[in-house]
PDB file of N, CA and C in Angstrom:
ATOM      1  N   MET A   1      62.308  97.725 -50.190  1.00  0.00           N
ATOM      2  CA  MET A   1      60.981  98.753 -50.686  1.00  0.00           C
ATOM      3  C   MET A   1      61.304  98.960 -52.253  1.00  0.00           C
ATOM      4  N   LYS A   2      60.269  99.407 -52.680  1.00  0.00           N
ATOM      5  CA  LYS A   2      60.183  99.621 -54.110  1.00  0.00           C
ATOM      6  C   LYS A   2      60.544 101.029 -54.577  1.00  0.00           C
ATOM      7  N   TYR A   3      61.369 101.156 -55.514  1.00  0.00           N
ATOM      8  CA  TYR A   3      61.594 102.703 -55.992  1.00  0.00           C
ATOM      9  C   TYR A   3      61.335 102.729 -57.310  1.00  0.00           C
ATOM     10  N   ALA A   4      61.132 103.867 -57.807  1.00  0.00           N
ATOM     11  CA  ALA A   4      60.980 104.101 -59.082  1.00  0.00           C
ATOM     12  C   ALA A   4      62.289 105.055 -59.820  1.00  0.00           C
ATOM     13  N   ILE A   5      62.717 104.578 -60.915  1.00  0.00           N
ATOM     14  CA  ILE A   5      63.641 105.488 -61.686  1.00  0.00           C
ATOM     15  C   ILE A   5      62.768 106.348 -62.345  1.00  0.00           C
ATOM     16  N   VAL A   6      63.140 107.623 -62.209  1.00  0.00           N
ATOM     17  CA  VAL A   6      62.245 108.616 -62.611  1.00  0.00           C
ATOM     18  C   VAL A   6      63.516 109.501 -63.497  1.00  0.00           C
ATOM     19  N   ASN A   7      62.823 109.792 -64.863  1.00  0.00           N
ATOM     20  CA  ASN A   7      63.951 110.544 -65.708  1.00  0.00           C
ATOM     21  C   ASN A   7      62.592 111.730 -66.291  1.00  0.00           C
ATOM     22  N   SER A   8      63.089 112.943 -66.068  1.00  0.00           N
ATOM     23  CA  SER A   8      62.062 113.821 -66.635  1.00  0.00           C
ATOM     24  C   SER A   8      60.696 113.896 -66.171  1.00  0.00           C
ATOM     25  N   GLY A   9      60.327 113.380 -65.257  1.00  0.00           N
ATOM     26  CA  GLY A   9      59.097 113.293 -64.905  1.00  0.00           C
ATOM     27  C   GLY A   9      58.290 112.092 -65.362  1.00  0.00           C
ATOM     28  N   ILE A  10      59.049 111.057 -65.848  1.00  0.00           N
ATOM     29  CA  ILE A  10      58.476 109.784 -66.328  1.00  0.00           C
ATOM     30  C   ILE A  10      59.075 108.875 -65.630  1.00  0.00           C
ATOM     31  N   VAL A  11      58.489 107.647 -65.280  1.00  0.00           N
ATOM     32  CA  VAL A  11      58.895 106.524 -64.401  1.00  0.00           C
ATOM     33  C   VAL A  11      59.595 105.535 -65.601  1.00  0.00           C
ATOM     34  N   ASP A  12      61.055 105.280 -65.623  1.00  0.00           N
ATOM     35  CA  ASP A  12      61.570 104.266 -66.460  1.00  0.00           C
ATOM     36  C   ASP A  12      61.329 102.987 -65.917  1.00  0.00           C
ATOM     37  N   ASN A  13      61.434 102.789 -64.622  1.00  0.00           N
ATOM     38  CA  ASN A  13      61.624 101.471 -64.132  1.00  0.00           C
ATOM     39  C   ASN A  13      61.303 101.582 -62.761  1.00  0.00           C
ATOM     40  N   ILE A  14      60.870 100.027 -62.222  1.00  0.00           N
ATOM     41  CA  ILE A  14      60.645  99.963 -60.702  1.00  0.00           C
ATOM     42  C   ILE A  14      61.332  99.200 -60.243  1.00  0.00           C
ATOM     43  N   ILE A  15      62.262  99.345 -59.077  1.00  0.00           N
ATOM     44  CA  ILE A  15      62.978  98.485 -58.666  1.00  0.00           C
ATOM     45  C   ILE A  15      62.834  98.189 -57.204  1.00  0.00           C
ATOM     46  N   GLU A  16      63.564  96.945 -56.554  1.00  0.00           N
ATOM     47  CA  GLU A  16      63.465  96.783 -55.419  1.00  0.00           C
ATOM     48  C   GLU A  16      65.075  97.108 -54.736  1.00  0.00           C
ATOM     49  N   TRP A  17      64.905  98.194 -53.788  1.00  0.00           N
ATOM     50  CA  TRP A  17      66.200  98.522 -53.241  1.00  0.00           C
ATOM     51  C   TRP A  17      66.034  98.911 -51.790  1.00  0.00           C
ATOM     52  N   ASP A  18      67.165  98.646 -50.891  1.00  0.00           N
ATOM     53  CA  ASP A  18      67.255  98.733 -49.592  1.00  0.00           C
ATOM     54  C   ASP A  18      67.038 100.278 -49.295  1.00  0.00           C
ATOM     55  N   GLY A  19      67.372 101.274 -50.016  1.00  0.00           N
ATOM     56  CA  GLY A  19      67.313 102.677 -49.708  1.00  0.00           C
ATOM     57  C   GLY A  19      68.501 103.224 -48.915  1.00  0.00           C
ATOM     58  N   VAL A  20      69.627 102.148 -48.773  1.00  0.00           N
ATOM     59  CA  VAL A  20      70.690 102.541 -48.026  1.00  0.00           C
ATOM     60  C   VAL A  20      72.063 102.222 -48.835  1.00  0.00           C
ATOM     61  N   SER A  21      71.923 101.145 -49.581  1.00  0.00           N
ATOM     62  CA  SER A  21      73.427 100.751 -50.280  1.00  0.00           C
ATOM     63  C   SER A  21      73.513 101.378 -51.572  1.00  0.00           C
ATOM     64  N   GLU A  22      74.796 101.548 -51.771  1.00  0.00           N
ATOM     65  CA  GLU A  22      74.973 102.352 -53.114  1.00  0.00           C
ATOM     66  C   GLU A  22      74.323 101.860 -54.354  1.00  0.00           C
ATOM     67  N   TYR A  23      73.641 102.727 -54.848  1.00  0.00           N
ATOM     68  CA  TYR A  23      73.152 102.106 -56.434  1.00  0.00           C
ATOM     69  C   TYR A  23      73.094 103.530 -57.259  1.00  0.00           C
ATOM     70  N   SER A  24      73.701 103.086 -58.421  1.00  0.00           N
ATOM     71  CA  SER A  24      73.819 104.151 -59.321  1.00  0.00           C
ATOM     72  C   SER A  24      72.588 104.072 -60.432  1.00  0.00           C
ATOM     73  N   VAL A  25      71.829 105.075 -60.660  1.00  0.00           N
ATOM     74  CA  VAL A  25      71.075 105.048 -61.676  1.00  0.00           C
ATOM     75  C   VAL A  25      71.077 106.150 -62.542  1.00  0.00           C
ATOM     76  N   ASP A  26      70.580 106.086 -63.934  1.00  0.00           N
ATOM     77  CA  ASP A  26      70.416 107.220 -64.678  1.00  0.00           C
ATOM     78  C   ASP A  26      68.958 107.979 -64.610  1.00  0.00           C
ATOM     79  N   GLY A  27      68.899 108.567 -63.507  1.00  0.00           N
ATOM     80  CA  GLY A  27      67.761 109.355 -63.241  1.00  0.00           C
ATOM     81  C   GLY A  27      67.724 109.645 -61.770  1.00  0.00           C
ATOM     82  N   VAL A  28      66.490 109.674 -61.025  1.00  0.00           N
ATOM     83  CA  VAL A  28      66.068 109.909 -59.547  1.00  0.00           C
ATOM     84  C   VAL A  28      65.640 108.725 -59.120  1.00  0.00           C
ATOM     85  N   LEU A  29      65.890 108.341 -57.887  1.00  0.00           N
ATOM     86  CA  LEU A  29      65.145 107.215 -57.380  1.00  0.00           C
ATOM     87  C   LEU A  29      64.000 107.901 -56.425  1.00  0.00           C
ATOM     88  N   VAL A  30      63.181 107.498 -56.480  1.00  0.00           N
ATOM     89  CA  VAL A  30      61.828 107.845 -55.562  1.00  0.00           C
ATOM     90  C   VAL A  30      61.036 106.907 -55.153  1.00  0.00           C
ATOM     91  N   GLU A  31      60.944 106.711 -53.750  1.00  0.00           N
ATOM     92  CA  GLU A  31      60.130 105.593 -53.093  1.00  0.00           C
ATOM     93  C   GLU A  31      58.566 105.402 -53.916  1.00  0.00           C
ATOM     94  N   ALA A  32      58.417 104.266 -54.300  1.00  0.00           N
ATOM     95  CA  ALA A  32      57.316 104.239 -54.990  1.00  0.00           C
ATOM     96  C   ALA A  32      55.844 103.854 -54.070  1.00  0.00           C
ATOM     97  N   ASP A  33      54.925 104.204 -54.843  1.00  0.00           N
ATOM     98  CA  ASP A  33      53.463 103.898 -53.859  1.00  0.00           C
ATOM     99  C   ASP A  33      52.688 103.399 -54.888  1.00  0.00           C
ATOM    100  N   ALA A  34      51.551 103.080 -54.652  1.00  0.00           N
ATOM    101  CA  ALA A  34      50.412 102.177 -55.321  1.00  0.00           C
ATOM    102  C   ALA A  34      50.365 103.049 -56.775  1.00  0.00           C
ATOM    103  N   ASN A  35      50.455 104.252 -56.941  1.00  0.00           N
ATOM    104  CA  ASN A  35      50.073 104.836 -58.266  1.00  0.00           C
ATOM    105  C   ASN A  35      51.517 105.025 -59.083  1.00  0.00           C
ATOM    106  N   ALA A  36      52.624 104.403 -58.402  1.00  0.00           N
ATOM    107  CA  ALA A  36      53.901 104.539 -59.537  1.00  0.00           C
ATOM    108  C   ALA A  36      53.479 103.102 -60.394  1.00  0.00           C
ATOM    109  N   TYR A  37      54.026 103.385 -61.777  1.00  0.00           N
ATOM    110  CA  TYR A  37      54.202 102.408 -62.646  1.00  0.00           C
ATOM    111  C   TYR A  37      54.849 102.807 -63.826  1.00  0.00           C
ATOM    112  N   ILE A  38      55.540 101.840 -64.408  1.00  0.00           N
ATOM    113  CA  ILE A  38      56.437 102.089 -65.625  1.00  0.00           C
ATOM    114  C   ILE A  38      55.583 102.804 -66.699  1.00  0.00           C
ATOM    115  N   GLY A  39      56.275 104.093 -67.005  1.00  0.00           N
ATOM    116  CA  GLY A  39      55.768 104.758 -68.090  1.00  0.00           C
ATOM    117  C   GLY A  39      54.620 105.866 -67.495  1.00  0.00           C
ATOM    118  N   GLY A  40      54.567 105.923 -66.091  1.00  0.00           N
ATOM    119  CA  GLY A  40      53.430 106.759 -65.529  1.00  0.00           C
ATOM    120  C   GLY A  40      54.450 107.944 -65.163  1.00  0.00           C
ATOM    121  N   VAL A  41      53.492 109.048 -64.631  1.00  0.00           N
ATOM    122  CA  VAL A  41      54.029 110.479 -64.693  1.00  0.00           C
ATOM    123  C   VAL A  41      54.472 110.703 -63.210  1.00  0.00           C
ATOM    124  N   TYR A  42      55.510 111.399 -62.835  1.00  0.00           N
ATOM    125  CA  TYR A  42      55.836 111.857 -61.363  1.00  0.00           C
ATOM    126  C   TYR A  42      55.794 113.281 -61.491  1.00  0.00           C
ATOM    127  N   ALA A  43      55.086 113.945 -60.708  1.00  0.00           N
ATOM    128  CA  ALA A  43      54.948 115.164 -60.839  1.00  0.00           C
ATOM    129  C   ALA A  43      54.588 116.008 -59.416  1.00  0.00           C
ATOM    130  N   ASP A  44      55.296 117.182 -59.174  1.00  0.00           N
ATOM    131  CA  ASP A  44      54.767 117.882 -57.950  1.00  0.00           C
ATOM    132  C   ASP A  44      55.188 117.036 -56.523  1.00  0.00           C
ATOM    133  N   GLY A  45      55.928 115.974 -56.889  1.00  0.00           N
ATOM    134  CA  GLY A  45      56.422 115.178 -55.722  1.00  0.00           C
ATOM    135  C   GLY A  45      55.420 114.098 -55.478  1.00  0.00           C
ATOM    136  N   ALA A  46      54.597 113.835 -56.411  1.00  0.00           N
ATOM    137  CA  ALA A  46      53.674 112.661 -56.531  1.00  0.00           C
ATOM    138  C   ALA A  46      53.587 111.837 -57.766  1.00  0.00           C
ATOM    139  N   PHE A  47      53.234 110.478 -57.429  1.00  0.00           N
ATOM    140  CA  PHE A  47      53.311 109.979 -58.735  1.00  0.00           C
ATOM    141  C   PHE A  47      51.495 110.016 -59.107  1.00  0.00           C
ATOM    142  N   VAL A  48      51.228 109.976 -60.650  1.00  0.00           N
ATOM    143  CA  VAL A  48      50.061 110.146 -61.102  1.00  0.00           C
ATOM    144  C   VAL A  48      49.321 109.154 -61.413  1.00  0.00           C
ATOM    145  N   ALA A  49      48.045 108.727 -60.665  1.00  0.00           N
ATOM    146  CA  ALA A  49      47.534 107.482 -60.784  1.00  0.00           C
ATOM    147  C   ALA A  49      47.332 107.257 -62.190  1.00  0.00           C
ATOM    148  N   ARG A  50      47.385 105.826 -62.687  1.00  0.00           N
ATOM    149  CA  ARG A  50      46.823 105.383 -64.052  1.00  0.00           C
ATOM    150  C   ARG A  50      45.770 105.594 -64.247  1.00  0.00           C
ATOM    151  N   PRO A  51      45.463 106.226 -65.622  1.00  0.00           N
ATOM    152  CA  PRO A  51      43.938 106.412 -65.988  1.00  0.00           C
ATOM    153  C   PRO A  51      43.404 105.189 -65.894  1.00  0.00           C
ATOM    154  N   PRO A  52      41.973 105.240 -65.677  1.00  0.00           N
ATOM    155  CA  PRO A  52      41.230 103.808 -65.809  1.00  0.00           C
ATOM    156  C   PRO A  52      41.169 103.579 -67.342  1.00  0.00           C
ATOM    157  N   GLU A  53      41.132 102.147 -67.257  1.00  0.00           N
ATOM    158  CA  GLU A  53      41.047 101.516 -68.724  1.00  0.00           C
ATOM    159  C   GLU A  53      39.619 101.592 -69.360  1.00  0.00           C
ATOM    160  N   PRO A  54      39.545 102.070 -70.707  1.00  0.00           N
ATOM    161  CA  PRO A  54      38.338 102.344 -71.069  1.00  0.00           C
ATOM    162  C   PRO A  54      37.424 100.978 -71.421  1.00  0.00           C
ATOM    163  N   GLU A  55      36.324 101.023 -71.200  1.00  0.00           N
ATOM    164  CA  GLU A  55      35.575  99.617 -71.508  1.00  0.00           C
ATOM    165  C   GLU A  55      35.600  99.290 -72.801  1.00  0.00           C
ATOM    166  N   PRO A  56      35.932  98.189 -72.925  1.00  0.00           N
ATOM    167  CA  PRO A  56      35.869  97.840 -74.781  1.00  0.00           C
ATOM    168  C   PRO A  56      34.474  97.810 -75.211  1.00  0.00           C
ATOM    169  N   GLU A  57      34.759  98.017 -76.505  1.00  0.00           N
ATOM    170  CA  GLU A  57      33.460  98.003 -77.289  1.00  0.00           C
ATOM    171  C   GLU A  57      32.662  96.678 -77.477  1.00  0.00           C
ATOM    172  N   LEU A  58      31.786  96.378 -77.670  1.00  0.00           N
ATOM    173  CA  LEU A  58      30.942  95.160 -77.802  1.00  0.00           C
ATOM    174  C   LEU A  58      31.056  94.722 -79.350  1.00  0.00           C
ATOM    175  N   THR A  59      31.237  93.642 -79.564  1.00  0.00           N
ATOM    176  CA  THR A  59      31.130  93.356 -80.916  1.00  0.00           C
ATOM    177  C   THR A  59      29.828  93.112 -81.407  1.00  0.00           C
ATOM    178  N   PRO A  60      29.381  93.110 -82.631  1.00  0.00           N
ATOM    179  CA  PRO A  60      28.171  92.793 -82.892  1.00  0.00           C
ATOM    180  C   PRO A  60      27.451  91.371 -82.368  1.00  0.00           C
ATOM    181  N   GLU A  61      28.136  90.549 -82.294  1.00  0.00           N
ATOM    182  CA  GLU A  61      27.745  89.121 -81.722  1.00  0.00           C
ATOM    183  C   GLU A  61      27.535  89.257 -80.301  1.00  0.00           C
ATOM    184  N   GLN A  62      28.430  90.180 -79.530  1.00  0.00           N
ATOM    185  CA  GLN A  62      28.201  90.286 -78.189  1.00  0.00           C
ATOM    186  C   GLN A  62      26.760  91.113 -77.935  1.00  0.00           C
ATOM    187  N   ILE A  63      26.400  92.102 -78.669  1.00  0.00           N
ATOM    188  CA  ILE A  63      25.174  93.063 -78.684  1.00  0.00           C
ATOM    189  C   ILE A  63      24.100  92.011 -78.892  1.00  0.00           C
ATOM    190  N   GLN A  64      24.057  91.044 -79.964  1.00  0.00           N
ATOM    191  CA  GLN A  64      22.819  90.607 -80.475  1.00  0.00           C
ATOM    192  C   GLN A  64      22.758  89.561 -79.001  1.00  0.00           C
ATOM    193  N   ALA A  65      23.630  88.849 -78.563  1.00  0.00           N
ATOM    194  CA  ALA A  65      23.554  88.031 -77.448  1.00  0.00           C
ATOM    195  C   ALA A  65      22.933  88.779 -76.322  1.00  0.00           C
ATOM    196  N   GLU A  66      23.402  89.922 -75.951  1.00  0.00           N
ATOM    197  CA  GLU A  66      22.741  90.716 -74.709  1.00  0.00           C
ATOM    198  C   GLU A  66      21.330  90.879 -75.347  1.00  0.00           C
ATOM    199  N   ALA A  67      20.989  91.150 -76.439  1.00  0.00           N
ATOM    200  CA  ALA A  67      19.517  91.623 -76.662  1.00  0.00           C
ATOM    201  C   ALA A  67      18.541  89.953 -76.582  1.00  0.00           C
ATOM    202  N   ASP A  68      19.341  88.961 -77.135  1.00  0.00           N
ATOM    203  CA  ASP A  68      18.538  87.673 -77.112  1.00  0.00           C
ATOM    204  C   ASP A  68      18.184  87.588 -75.541  1.00  0.00           C
ATOM    205  N   LYS A  69      19.253  87.908 -74.657  1.00  0.00           N
ATOM    206  CA  LYS A  69      19.021  87.409 -73.382  1.00  0.00           C
ATOM    207  C   LYS A  69      18.288  88.239 -72.785  1.00  0.00           C
ATOM    208  N   ALA A  70      18.091  89.510 -73.223  1.00  0.00           N
ATOM    209  CA  ALA A  70      16.960  90.389 -72.516  1.00  0.00           C
ATOM    210  C   ALA A  70      15.784  89.942 -72.832  1.00  0.00           C
ATOM    211  N   SER A  71      15.497  89.742 -74.148  1.00  0.00           N
ATOM    212  CA  SER A  71      14.243  89.004 -74.733  1.00  0.00           C
ATOM    213  C   SER A  71      13.874  87.780 -74.101  1.00  0.00           C
ATOM    214  N   ALA A  72      14.915  86.835 -73.832  1.00  0.00           N
ATOM    215  CA  ALA A  72      14.477  85.521 -73.275  1.00  0.00           C
ATOM    216  C   ALA A  72      13.958  85.971 -71.507  1.00  0.00           C
ATOM    217  N   ILE A  73      14.554  86.783 -70.989  1.00  0.00           N
ATOM    218  CA  ILE A  73      14.365  87.145 -69.786  1.00  0.00           C
ATOM    219  C   ILE A  73      12.814  87.824 -69.475  1.00  0.00           C
ATOM    220  N   SER A  74      12.571  88.612 -70.640  1.00  0.00           N
ATOM    221  CA  SER A  74      11.095  89.507 -70.723  1.00  0.00           C
ATOM    222  C   SER A  74      10.163  88.443 -70.855  1.00  0.00           C
ATOM    223  N   LYS A  75      10.412  87.119 -71.830  1.00  0.00           N
ATOM    224  CA  LYS A  75       9.401  86.547 -72.075  1.00  0.00           C
ATOM    225  C   LYS A  75       9.055  85.374 -70.993  1.00  0.00           C
ATOM    226  N   LEU A  76      10.189  85.323 -70.078  1.00  0.00           N
ATOM    227  CA  LEU A  76       9.985  84.335 -68.847  1.00  0.00           C
ATOM    228  C   LEU A  76       9.182  85.218 -68.004  1.00  0.00           C
ATOM    229  N   GLU A  77       9.571  86.582 -67.722  1.00  0.00           N
ATOM    230  CA  GLU A  77       8.874  87.359 -66.758  1.00  0.00           C
ATOM    231  C   GLU A  77       7.370  87.606 -67.098  1.00  0.00           C
ATOM    232  N   ALA A  78       6.959  87.455 -68.545  1.00  0.00           N
ATOM    233  CA  ALA A  78       5.764  87.552 -68.837  1.00  0.00           C
ATOM    234  C   ALA A  78       4.779  86.317 -68.645  1.00  0.00           C
ATOM    235  N   LEU A  79       5.510  85.146 -68.517  1.00  0.00           N
ATOM    236  CA  LEU A  79       4.993  83.856 -68.321  1.00  0.00           C
ATOM    237  C   LEU A  79       4.727  83.923 -66.542  1.00  0.00           C
ATOM    238  N   GLY A  80       5.381  84.854 -65.965  1.00  0.00           N
ATOM    239  CA  GLY A  80       5.015  84.718 -64.561  1.00  0.00           C
ATOM    240  C   GLY A  80       5.955  84.407 -63.637  1.00  0.00           C
ATOM    241  N   LEU A  81       7.290  84.041 -63.913  1.00  0.00           N
ATOM    242  CA  LEU A  81       8.256  83.592 -63.261  1.00  0.00           C
ATOM    243  C   LEU A  81       8.961  84.585 -62.553  1.00  0.00           C
ATOM    244  N   THR A  82       9.315  84.326 -61.275  1.00  0.00           N
ATOM    245  CA  THR A  82      10.070  85.079 -60.430  1.00  0.00           C
ATOM    246  C   THR A  82      11.476  85.224 -61.070  1.00  0.00           C
ATOM    247  N   ASP A  83      12.283  86.298 -60.572  1.00  0.00           N
ATOM    248  CA  ASP A  83      13.707  86.370 -60.736  1.00  0.00           C
ATOM    249  C   ASP A  83      14.475  85.036 -60.268  1.00  0.00           C
ATOM    250  N   ALA A  84      14.130  84.709 -59.083  1.00  0.00           N
ATOM    251  CA  ALA A  84      14.685  83.629 -58.513  1.00  0.00           C
ATOM    252  C   ALA A  84      14.583  82.263 -59.569  1.00  0.00           C
ATOM    253  N   GLU A  85      13.305  82.314 -60.082  1.00  0.00           N
ATOM    254  CA  GLU A  85      13.146  80.957 -60.868  1.00  0.00           C
ATOM    255  C   GLU A  85      13.696  81.080 -62.287  1.00  0.00           C
ATOM    256  N   ILE A  86      13.799  82.329 -62.770  1.00  0.00           N
ATOM    257  CA  ILE A  86      14.559  82.746 -64.012  1.00  0.00           C
ATOM    258  C   ILE A  86      16.059  82.508 -63.910  1.00  0.00           C
ATOM    259  N   LYS A  87      16.718  82.969 -62.627  1.00  0.00           N
ATOM    260  CA  LYS A  87      17.973  82.542 -62.375  1.00  0.00           C
ATOM    261  C   LYS A  87      18.279  80.937 -62.210  1.00  0.00           C
ATOM    262  N   ALA A  88      17.495  80.453 -61.511  1.00  0.00           N
ATOM    263  CA  ALA A  88      17.556  79.027 -61.396  1.00  0.00           C
ATOM    264  C   ALA A  88      17.296  78.241 -62.868  1.00  0.00           C
ATOM    265  N   LEU A  89      16.570  78.576 -63.817  1.00  0.00           N
ATOM    266  CA  LEU A  89      16.403  78.142 -64.832  1.00  0.00           C
ATOM    267  C   LEU A  89      17.572  78.268 -65.783  1.00  0.00           C
ATOM    268  N   SER A  90      18.445  79.469 -65.841  1.00  0.00           N
ATOM    269  CA  SER A  90      19.045  79.969 -66.704  1.00  0.00           C
ATOM    270  C   SER A  90      20.387  79.935 -66.399  1.00  0.00           C
ATOM    271  N   GLY A  91      20.725  79.370 -65.144  1.00  0.00           N
ATOM    272  CA  GLY A  91      22.231  79.420 -64.440  1.00  0.00           C
ATOM    273  C   GLY A  91      22.585  80.715 -64.067  1.00  0.00           C
ATOM    274  N   GLY A  92      21.761  81.773 -63.943  1.00  0.00           N
ATOM    275  CA  GLY A  92      22.252  82.843 -63.249  1.00  0.00           C
ATOM    276  C   GLY A  92      22.139  84.000 -64.251  1.00  0.00           C
ATOM    277  N   LEU A  93      21.307  84.165 -65.421  1.00  0.00           N
ATOM    278  CA  LEU A  93      21.201  85.113 -66.545  1.00  0.00           C
ATOM    279  C   LEU A  93      21.191  86.456 -65.712  1.00  0.00           C
TER     280      LEU A  93
END
């Protein structure tokens, strides 16, 4: 089973341990769950889930590429093409 080594409410490490054999650590061993991660918080008897990663900001090149894609789709729609036809022509835009 996986156990977290917790010091002052912070997960220092996660290890595999049978929960029975003698094992000495600097901290407290707590059975880990899906929310346990190194550097994470253990408070009030539970691991605090990792905060979601922020969406990366788009580069100017990516912003331009998205604008170009939207323009191309708009022009194809103006010609009367269906969504299925646009996807077939564009490889899934």
